């Protein structure tokens, strides 16, 4: 299934809307999401790799989002002093092996 702006889904579990309508509702409520370019670039690399390996676009998107969220959480844990630099590097290397190899 190809996901487009006209794809319909349950929004907030209450009613069916198109992706276009959902984005418009979020914009009206000023809930736009901004993401650092570096995060988007890493996610695109993972997404593209997953598609090339034969995963569906939805599964690829989920895997790419998981990869980006895991990297962000690990970096945040390091910045807060919860893990060492060695643990940060080890976790990031493990993520790269899992998703980029």
C-alpha atoms as a PDB file:
ATOM      1  CA  UNK A   1       0.000   0.000   0.000  1.00  0.00           C
ATOM      2  CA  UNK A   2       1.379   3.387  -0.976  1.00  0.00           C
ATOM      3  CA  UNK A   3       0.970   6.055   1.698  1.00  0.00           C
ATOM      4  CA  UNK A   4      -0.123   9.424   0.299  1.00  0.00           C
ATOM      5  CA  UNK A   5      -1.658  12.594   1.697  1.00  0.00           C
ATOM      6  CA  UNK A   6      -5.051  11.091   0.834  1.00  0.00           C
ATOM      7  CA  UNK A   7      -4.454   7.915   2.868  1.00  0.00           C
ATOM      8  CA  UNK A   8      -7.224   7.561   5.452  1.00  0.00           C
ATOM      9  CA  UNK A   9      -6.617   6.528   9.054  1.00  0.00           C
ATOM     10  CA  UNK A  10      -8.053   6.906  12.556  1.00  0.00           C
ATOM     11  CA  UNK A  11      -7.011  10.233  14.046  1.00  0.00           C
ATOM     12  CA  UNK A  12      -6.814  10.366  17.838  1.00  0.00           C
ATOM     13  CA  UNK A  13      -8.801   7.129  17.870  1.00  0.00           C
ATOM     14  CA  UNK A  14     -11.994   9.066  17.331  1.00  0.00           C
ATOM     15  CA  UNK A  15     -12.601   9.659  13.624  1.00  0.00           C
ATOM     16  CA  UNK A  16     -11.248   8.853  10.178  1.00  0.00           C
ATOM     17  CA  UNK A  17      -9.306  11.576   8.364  1.00  0.00           C
ATOM     18  CA  UNK A  18      -6.827  11.791   5.524  1.00  0.00           C
ATOM     19  CA  UNK A  19      -3.179  12.403   6.270  1.00  0.00           C
ATOM     20  CA  UNK A  20      -3.609  15.815   4.629  1.00  0.00           C
ATOM     21  CA  UNK A  21      -6.469  16.698   7.035  1.00  0.00           C
ATOM     22  CA  UNK A  22      -4.491  15.506  10.065  1.00  0.00           C
ATOM     23  CA  UNK A  23      -1.488  17.644   9.131  1.00  0.00           C
ATOM     24  CA  UNK A  24      -3.762  20.658   8.644  1.00  0.00           C
ATOM     25  CA  UNK A  25      -5.334  20.114  12.079  1.00  0.00           C
ATOM     26  CA  UNK A  26      -1.904  19.922  13.683  1.00  0.00           C
ATOM     27  CA  UNK A  27      -0.805  23.104  11.927  1.00  0.00           C
ATOM     28  CA  UNK A  28      -3.921  24.929  13.099  1.00  0.00           C
ATOM     29  CA  UNK A  29      -3.058  23.973  16.656  1.00  0.00           C
ATOM     30  CA  UNK A  30       0.593  24.982  16.122  1.00  0.00           C
ATOM     31  CA  UNK A  31       1.784  21.455  16.813  1.00  0.00           C
ATOM     32  CA  UNK A  32       4.260  21.364  13.961  1.00  0.00           C
ATOM     33  CA  UNK A  33       7.234  19.146  14.587  1.00  0.00           C
ATOM     34  CA  UNK A  34      10.721  20.329  13.762  1.00  0.00           C
ATOM     35  CA  UNK A  35      13.536  17.828  13.519  1.00  0.00           C
ATOM     36  CA  UNK A  36      17.239  18.487  13.167  1.00  0.00           C
ATOM     37  CA  UNK A  37      18.525  17.953   9.621  1.00  0.00           C
ATOM     38  CA  UNK A  38      21.120  15.448  10.878  1.00  0.00           C
ATOM     39  CA  UNK A  39      18.369  13.305  12.414  1.00  0.00           C
ATOM     40  CA  UNK A  40      16.383  13.357   9.183  1.00  0.00           C
ATOM     41  CA  UNK A  41      19.452  12.447   7.119  1.00  0.00           C
ATOM     42  CA  UNK A  42      20.251   9.438   9.343  1.00  0.00           C
ATOM     43  CA  UNK A  43      16.619   8.332   9.199  1.00  0.00           C
ATOM     44  CA  UNK A  44      16.583   8.594   5.390  1.00  0.00           C
ATOM     45  CA  UNK A  45      19.702   6.409   5.170  1.00  0.00           C
ATOM     46  CA  UNK A  46      18.098   3.718   7.342  1.00  0.00           C
ATOM     47  CA  UNK A  47      14.767   3.950   5.487  1.00  0.00           C
ATOM     48  CA  UNK A  48      16.455   3.630   2.083  1.00  0.00           C
ATOM     49  CA  UNK A  49      18.574   0.710   3.247  1.00  0.00           C
ATOM     50  CA  UNK A  50      15.508  -1.109   4.587  1.00  0.00           C
ATOM     51  CA  UNK A  51      13.601  -0.630   1.327  1.00  0.00           C
ATOM     52  CA  UNK A  52      16.602  -1.865  -0.671  1.00  0.00           C
ATOM     53  CA  UNK A  53      16.686  -4.980   1.538  1.00  0.00           C
ATOM     54  CA  UNK A  54      13.073  -5.682   0.581  1.00  0.00           C
ATOM     55  CA  UNK A  55      11.139  -4.423   3.594  1.00  0.00           C
ATOM     56  CA  UNK A  56       7.806  -2.714   2.989  1.00  0.00           C
ATOM     57  CA  UNK A  57       7.809   1.102   3.170  1.00  0.00           C
ATOM     58  CA  UNK A  58       5.789   1.066   6.405  1.00  0.00           C
ATOM     59  CA  UNK A  59       8.132  -1.402   8.089  1.00  0.00           C
ATOM     60  CA  UNK A  60      11.101   0.587   6.802  1.00  0.00           C
ATOM     61  CA  UNK A  61       9.623   3.781   8.240  1.00  0.00           C
ATOM     62  CA  UNK A  62       9.087   2.123  11.622  1.00  0.00           C
ATOM     63  CA  UNK A  63      12.624   0.749  11.661  1.00  0.00           C
ATOM     64  CA  UNK A  64      14.089   4.127  10.663  1.00  0.00           C
ATOM     65  CA  UNK A  65      12.070   5.901  13.370  1.00  0.00           C
ATOM     66  CA  UNK A  66      13.256   3.352  15.934  1.00  0.00           C
ATOM     67  CA  UNK A  67      16.867   3.887  14.865  1.00  0.00           C
ATOM     68  CA  UNK A  68      16.601   7.685  15.086  1.00  0.00           C
ATOM     69  CA  UNK A  69      14.792   7.582  18.450  1.00  0.00           C
ATOM     70  CA  UNK A  70      17.328   5.141  19.899  1.00  0.00           C
ATOM     71  CA  UNK A  71      20.258   7.327  18.819  1.00  0.00           C
ATOM     72  CA  UNK A  72      18.588  10.396  20.305  1.00  0.00           C
ATOM     73  CA  UNK A  73      17.839   8.614  23.599  1.00  0.00           C
ATOM     74  CA  UNK A  74      21.408   7.324  23.858  1.00  0.00           C
ATOM     75  CA  UNK A  75      22.852  10.772  23.164  1.00  0.00           C
ATOM     76  CA  UNK A  76      20.529  12.319  25.735  1.00  0.00           C
ATOM     77  CA  UNK A  77      21.534   9.711  28.336  1.00  0.00           C
ATOM     78  CA  UNK A  78      25.187  10.596  27.708  1.00  0.00           C
ATOM     79  CA  UNK A  79      24.523  14.340  27.953  1.00  0.00           C
ATOM     80  CA  UNK A  80      22.770  13.797  31.296  1.00  0.00           C
ATOM     81  CA  UNK A  81      25.717  11.787  32.607  1.00  0.00           C
ATOM     82  CA  UNK A  82      23.766   8.534  32.803  1.00  0.00           C
ATOM     83  CA  UNK A  83      26.185   6.610  30.585  1.00  0.00           C
ATOM     84  CA  UNK A  84      29.874   6.943  29.749  1.00  0.00           C
ATOM     85  CA  UNK A  85      31.315   7.922  26.373  1.00  0.00           C
ATOM     86  CA  UNK A  86      32.345   4.290  25.891  1.00  0.00           C
ATOM     87  CA  UNK A  87      28.780   3.119  26.509  1.00  0.00           C
ATOM     88  CA  UNK A  88      27.486   5.796  24.117  1.00  0.00           C
ATOM     89  CA  UNK A  89      29.854   4.676  21.381  1.00  0.00           C
ATOM     90  CA  UNK A  90      29.118   0.992  22.000  1.00  0.00           C
ATOM     91  CA  UNK A  91      25.349   1.532  21.815  1.00  0.00           C
ATOM     92  CA  UNK A  92      25.627   3.635  18.668  1.00  0.00           C
ATOM     93  CA  UNK A  93      27.869   1.007  17.054  1.00  0.00           C
ATOM     94  CA  UNK A  94      25.344  -1.700  17.968  1.00  0.00           C
ATOM     95  CA  UNK A  95      22.535   0.326  16.380  1.00  0.00           C
ATOM     96  CA  UNK A  96      24.589   0.839  13.235  1.00  0.00           C
ATOM     97  CA  UNK A  97      25.309  -2.903  13.007  1.00  0.00           C
ATOM     98  CA  UNK A  98      21.648  -3.725  13.547  1.00  0.00           C
ATOM     99  CA  UNK A  99      20.228  -1.269  11.021  1.00  0.00           C
ATOM    100  CA  UNK A 100      22.987  -0.272   8.613  1.00  0.00           C
ATOM    101  CA  UNK A 101      24.767  -3.526   7.838  1.00  0.00           C
END
